[in-house]
């Protein structure tokens, strides 16, 4: 299992790193569209387990995504960022407390469309931040990755109070707080010691535009959003009786398993960046 996980990670890096390093926009568009299509396919499978139409639906959404964000002269990504943030605040976050509608219900079908829109917002943010700078995009992703890694170790060492036992029994408040503290420390170090190499990163831009007093609440909000995104997908998988969103990435599960925490974070960060 570990060997498979490592080989898959190396294969992904072999594809993604050249796209980012050489700043090849055409290659980026192809890769981003492929990952978007996979994420939407997994999304509709999670909401409708056993459906045979997920691939057809995903193909339609991918074609619309490609036109809207790579072909259309007026993509208006900020609209998608705002809509995504709103649906997370008004619909997905409350579901962690009140639960999801039953499968095979009209409410579930409607919710699947809303979540697909949130996925659109996430990938629209990826496109927009990549256009700004691949480093800028990576800096936002790194916040989520750091929070996740340090939350794991903090939870292992200190975890006692369960964060959401009915959804994800292994997550603890101590782990979430530990991940958040690590992000604040790493962001501070990147600003103070990073020099020119870090000038085009999200924490540096926020600190330069809004100051230290605003930086820390924004980073805490982003870490909290990443936890919500992770828990929401866990909730979807638990309801659907699935361990992973798919097996597209051997050893890692599916695309949504890798980006679940990014789905709410990237539109939020992109909206803040657009405001700055």
Protein backbone atom coordinates (compact mmCIF):
# COMPACT_ATOMS: atom_id res chain seq x y z
CA UNK A 1 0.00 0.00 0.00
CA UNK A 2 2.79 2.43 0.93
CA UNK A 3 4.72 1.54 -2.23
CA UNK A 4 1.62 2.19 -4.36
CA UNK A 5 1.02 5.49 -2.58
CA UNK A 6 4.59 6.63 -3.20
CA UNK A 7 4.57 5.60 -6.87
CA UNK A 8 1.30 7.46 -7.46
CA UNK A 9 2.68 10.55 -5.73
CA UNK A 10 5.82 10.44 -7.88
CA UNK A 11 3.73 10.07 -11.05
CA UNK A 12 1.61 13.09 -10.06
CA UNK A 13 4.70 15.15 -9.32
CA UNK A 14 6.18 14.16 -12.69
CA UNK A 15 3.09 15.66 -14.35
CA UNK A 16 2.41 18.66 -12.13
CA UNK A 17 5.89 20.03 -11.39
CA UNK A 18 6.88 20.64 -15.05
CA UNK A 19 3.53 22.37 -15.67
CA UNK A 20 4.15 24.68 -12.72
CA UNK A 21 7.89 25.16 -13.20
CA UNK A 22 7.80 25.93 -16.93
CA UNK A 23 4.60 27.98 -16.60
CA UNK A 24 3.10 26.30 -19.68
CA UNK A 25 -0.47 27.58 -19.80
CA UNK A 26 -1.71 25.11 -22.42
CA UNK A 27 -0.43 22.13 -20.44
CA UNK A 28 -1.91 23.66 -17.29
CA UNK A 29 -5.33 24.02 -18.98
CA UNK A 30 -5.30 20.37 -20.05
CA UNK A 31 -4.27 19.09 -16.60
CA UNK A 32 -6.68 21.38 -14.70
CA UNK A 33 -9.59 20.39 -16.96
CA UNK A 34 -8.81 16.69 -16.53
CA UNK A 35 -8.69 16.99 -12.74
CA UNK A 36 -11.88 19.06 -12.77
CA UNK A 37 -13.71 16.41 -14.79
CA UNK A 38 -12.53 13.69 -12.41
CA UNK A 39 -13.63 15.72 -9.37
CA UNK A 40 -17.11 16.33 -10.80
CA UNK A 41 -17.44 12.66 -11.74
CA UNK A 42 -16.60 11.67 -8.17
CA UNK A 43 -18.94 14.33 -6.82
CA UNK A 44 -22.00 12.90 -8.57
CA UNK A 45 -21.01 9.36 -7.61
CA UNK A 46 -20.90 10.37 -3.95
CA UNK A 47 -24.36 11.91 -4.16
CA UNK A 48 -25.79 9.11 -6.31
CA UNK A 49 -23.94 5.85 -5.58
CA UNK A 50 -24.38 3.35 -8.38
CA UNK A 51 -25.45 5.90 -10.95
CA UNK A 52 -24.44 5.21 -14.51
CA UNK A 53 -24.72 8.82 -15.64
CA UNK A 54 -21.87 10.36 -13.64
CA UNK A 55 -19.41 10.19 -16.56
CA UNK A 56 -21.84 11.85 -18.97
CA UNK A 57 -22.65 14.59 -16.46
CA UNK A 58 -18.96 15.14 -15.77
CA UNK A 59 -18.23 15.46 -19.51
CA UNK A 60 -20.93 18.14 -19.84
CA UNK A 61 -19.66 20.10 -16.82
CA UNK A 62 -16.05 19.83 -18.03
CA UNK A 63 -16.94 21.18 -21.46
CA UNK A 64 -18.74 24.11 -19.81
CA UNK A 65 -15.77 24.68 -17.49
CA UNK A 66 -13.28 24.73 -20.38
CA UNK A 67 -15.39 27.22 -22.30
CA UNK A 68 -16.07 29.45 -19.30
CA UNK A 69 -12.51 29.73 -17.99
CA UNK A 70 -10.19 28.98 -20.93
CA UNK A 71 -12.11 30.12 -24.04
CA UNK A 72 -14.61 32.79 -23.01
CA UNK A 73 -13.20 36.35 -23.17
CA UNK A 74 -15.14 37.31 -19.99
CA UNK A 75 -14.88 34.46 -17.45
CA UNK A 76 -15.81 36.62 -14.39
CA UNK A 77 -14.16 34.30 -11.85
CA UNK A 78 -14.90 36.58 -8.88
CA UNK A 79 -18.59 35.73 -9.25
CA UNK A 80 -17.76 32.03 -8.80
CA UNK A 81 -15.51 32.76 -5.82
CA UNK A 82 -18.30 34.68 -4.08
CA UNK A 83 -20.96 32.06 -4.86
CA UNK A 84 -18.69 29.29 -3.57
CA UNK A 85 -17.99 31.08 -0.30
CA UNK A 86 -21.70 31.76 0.18
CA UNK A 87 -22.78 28.14 -0.35
CA UNK A 88 -20.18 26.93 2.11
CA UNK A 89 -21.33 29.37 4.76
CA UNK A 90 -25.07 29.00 4.17
CA UNK A 91 -25.42 25.30 3.25
CA UNK A 92 -22.41 23.04 3.71
CA UNK A 93 -21.15 24.27 7.07
CA UNK A 94 -24.62 23.88 8.71
CA UNK A 95 -24.85 20.33 7.34
CA UNK A 96 -22.03 19.26 9.67
CA UNK A 97 -24.44 19.90 12.53
CA UNK A 98 -27.80 19.08 10.97
CA UNK A 99 -26.83 16.30 8.57
CA UNK A 100 -27.43 15.61 4.89
CA UNK A 101 -30.71 14.85 3.10
CA UNK A 102 -31.48 11.19 2.28
CA UNK A 103 -30.07 9.67 -0.87
CA UNK A 104 -32.51 9.44 -3.78
CA UNK A 105 -34.34 12.58 -2.68
CA UNK A 106 -34.92 15.82 -4.58
CA UNK A 107 -33.08 17.69 -1.81
CA UNK A 108 -30.06 15.45 -2.36
CA UNK A 109 -30.13 16.09 -6.12
CA UNK A 110 -30.24 19.83 -5.50
CA UNK A 111 -27.38 19.57 -3.01
CA UNK A 112 -25.27 17.67 -5.55
CA UNK A 113 -25.67 20.55 -8.00
CA UNK A 114 -24.67 23.06 -5.34
CA UNK A 115 -21.57 21.06 -4.45
CA UNK A 116 -20.65 20.79 -8.13
CA UNK A 117 -20.87 24.59 -8.29
CA UNK A 118 -18.50 24.75 -5.30
CA UNK A 119 -16.09 22.51 -7.22
CA UNK A 120 -16.33 24.92 -10.16
CA UNK A 121 -15.43 27.77 -7.80
CA UNK A 122 -12.44 25.82 -6.51
CA UNK A 123 -11.03 25.15 -9.98
CA UNK A 124 -11.86 28.67 -11.15
CA UNK A 125 -9.69 29.84 -8.25
CA UNK A 126 -6.92 27.47 -9.34
CA UNK A 127 -7.02 28.96 -12.85
CA UNK A 128 -7.08 32.56 -11.63
CA UNK A 129 -4.28 32.12 -9.08
CA UNK A 130 -2.15 30.25 -11.62
CA UNK A 131 -2.57 33.16 -14.01
CA UNK A 132 -1.31 35.43 -11.26
CA UNK A 133 1.61 33.13 -10.44
CA UNK A 134 2.17 29.38 -9.94
CA UNK A 135 3.98 30.24 -6.70
CA UNK A 136 0.96 32.20 -5.47
CA UNK A 137 -1.27 29.18 -6.11
CA UNK A 138 1.15 26.84 -4.37
CA UNK A 139 1.44 29.15 -1.36
CA UNK A 140 -2.30 28.86 -0.69
CA UNK A 141 -2.23 25.09 -1.14
CA UNK A 142 0.77 24.91 1.20
CA UNK A 143 -1.30 26.50 3.99
CA UNK A 144 -3.81 23.65 3.73
CA UNK A 145 -1.12 20.97 3.46
CA UNK A 146 0.77 22.32 6.46
CA UNK A 147 -2.41 22.52 8.53
CA UNK A 148 -3.27 18.92 7.62
CA UNK A 149 0.19 17.50 8.34
CA UNK A 150 0.66 19.26 11.66
CA UNK A 151 -2.95 18.52 12.70
CA UNK A 152 -2.19 14.83 12.22
CA UNK A 153 0.88 14.91 14.45
CA UNK A 154 -0.72 17.20 17.03
CA UNK A 155 -3.75 14.95 17.16
CA UNK A 156 -1.57 11.88 17.62
CA UNK A 157 0.36 13.53 20.44
CA UNK A 158 -2.32 15.50 22.27
CA UNK A 159 -5.72 14.57 20.82
CA UNK A 160 -8.42 13.95 23.43
CA UNK A 161 -11.49 15.97 22.46
CA UNK A 162 -13.16 14.66 19.28
CA UNK A 163 -13.87 17.33 16.68
CA UNK A 164 -16.72 15.57 14.87
CA UNK A 165 -16.97 11.98 16.19
CA UNK A 166 -19.98 11.03 14.07
CA UNK A 167 -18.28 12.17 10.86
CA UNK A 168 -14.54 11.64 11.32
CA UNK A 169 -13.70 9.94 14.64
CA UNK A 170 -9.94 10.41 14.28
CA UNK A 171 -10.01 14.21 14.17
CA UNK A 172 -9.57 16.15 17.40
CA UNK A 173 -9.76 19.76 18.52
CA UNK A 174 -6.14 19.53 19.68
CA UNK A 175 -5.09 18.42 16.21
CA UNK A 176 -6.97 21.27 14.54
CA UNK A 177 -5.47 23.84 16.92
CA UNK A 178 -1.98 22.39 16.46
CA UNK A 179 -2.30 22.60 12.68
CA UNK A 180 -3.50 26.19 12.93
CA UNK A 181 -0.62 27.23 15.20
CA UNK A 182 1.86 25.64 12.80
CA UNK A 183 0.40 27.61 9.88
CA UNK A 184 0.68 30.89 11.80
CA UNK A 185 4.30 30.18 12.72
CA UNK A 186 5.31 29.08 9.22
CA UNK A 187 3.56 32.06 7.60
CA UNK A 188 5.32 34.44 9.99
CA UNK A 189 8.69 32.88 9.22
CA UNK A 190 8.05 33.04 5.47
CA UNK A 191 7.29 36.77 5.73
CA UNK A 192 10.13 37.69 8.08
CA UNK A 193 12.84 35.46 6.62
CA UNK A 194 11.59 34.64 3.11
CA UNK A 195 12.94 37.73 1.36
CA UNK A 196 12.32 38.14 -2.38
CA UNK A 197 11.69 34.42 -2.85
CA UNK A 198 8.44 34.73 -0.90
CA UNK A 199 7.25 38.10 -2.17
CA UNK A 200 4.61 36.64 -4.46
CA UNK A 201 2.99 34.37 -1.88
CA UNK A 202 -0.43 34.68 -0.28
CA UNK A 203 0.71 35.40 3.32
CA UNK A 204 3.13 38.10 2.16
CA UNK A 205 0.48 39.80 0.01
CA UNK A 206 -2.08 39.77 2.81
CA UNK A 207 0.41 41.13 5.34
CA UNK A 208 1.59 43.83 2.94
CA UNK A 209 -1.97 44.87 2.09
CA UNK A 210 -3.73 44.53 5.45
CA UNK A 211 -1.02 44.23 8.07
CA UNK A 212 -0.25 41.70 10.78
CA UNK A 213 -3.49 42.30 12.66
CA UNK A 214 -5.55 41.09 9.69
CA UNK A 215 -3.16 38.37 8.54
CA UNK A 216 -3.64 36.04 11.49
CA UNK A 217 -7.47 36.03 11.51
CA UNK A 218 -7.44 35.40 7.76
CA UNK A 219 -5.06 32.45 8.13
CA UNK A 220 -7.17 31.05 10.97
CA UNK A 221 -10.27 31.39 8.78
CA UNK A 222 -8.52 29.56 5.93
CA UNK A 223 -7.43 26.71 8.22
CA UNK A 224 -10.98 26.46 9.60
CA UNK A 225 -12.34 26.34 6.04
CA UNK A 226 -9.96 23.51 5.19
CA UNK A 227 -11.24 21.49 8.16
CA UNK A 228 -14.85 22.10 7.09
CA UNK A 229 -14.08 20.95 3.54
CA UNK A 230 -12.41 17.78 4.81
CA UNK A 231 -15.28 16.99 7.19
CA UNK A 232 -17.93 17.63 4.56
CA UNK A 233 -16.42 15.15 2.12
CA UNK A 234 -16.04 12.62 4.95
CA UNK A 235 -19.73 13.12 5.63
CA UNK A 236 -20.56 12.46 1.97
CA UNK A 237 -18.44 9.29 1.89
CA UNK A 238 -19.90 7.99 5.15
CA UNK A 239 -23.45 8.49 3.85
CA UNK A 240 -22.63 6.82 0.52
CA UNK A 241 -20.83 3.93 2.20
CA UNK A 242 -17.57 4.68 0.37
CA UNK A 243 -14.07 4.65 1.82
CA UNK A 244 -12.69 6.86 -0.97
CA UNK A 245 -14.31 9.12 -3.56
CA UNK A 246 -12.85 6.80 -6.25
CA UNK A 247 -9.74 4.74 -6.98
CA UNK A 248 -8.36 7.01 -9.71
CA UNK A 249 -5.21 7.67 -7.65
CA UNK A 250 -4.02 4.29 -6.32
CA UNK A 251 -3.02 4.54 -2.69
CA UNK A 252 -4.57 8.00 -2.39
CA UNK A 253 -8.20 7.40 -3.32
CA UNK A 254 -9.75 9.91 -5.68
CA UNK A 255 -9.22 13.49 -6.76
CA UNK A 256 -11.75 14.78 -4.23
CA UNK A 257 -9.89 12.93 -1.49
CA UNK A 258 -6.84 15.06 -2.37
CA UNK A 259 -8.63 18.39 -2.83
CA UNK A 260 -11.54 18.17 -0.38
CA UNK A 261 -9.96 20.69 2.01
CA UNK A 262 -9.09 22.97 -0.92
CA UNK A 263 -12.65 23.18 -2.28
CA UNK A 264 -13.75 25.84 0.25
CA UNK A 265 -10.27 27.33 0.77
CA UNK A 266 -9.23 28.28 -2.75
CA UNK A 267 -12.32 30.40 -3.62
CA UNK A 268 -12.02 32.13 -0.23
CA UNK A 269 -8.33 32.89 -0.75
CA UNK A 270 -8.95 34.00 -4.34
CA UNK A 271 -11.75 36.33 -3.19
CA UNK A 272 -9.44 37.86 -0.59
CA UNK A 273 -6.72 38.19 -3.21
CA UNK A 274 -9.10 39.88 -5.66
CA UNK A 275 -10.12 42.33 -2.93
CA UNK A 276 -6.48 43.11 -2.19
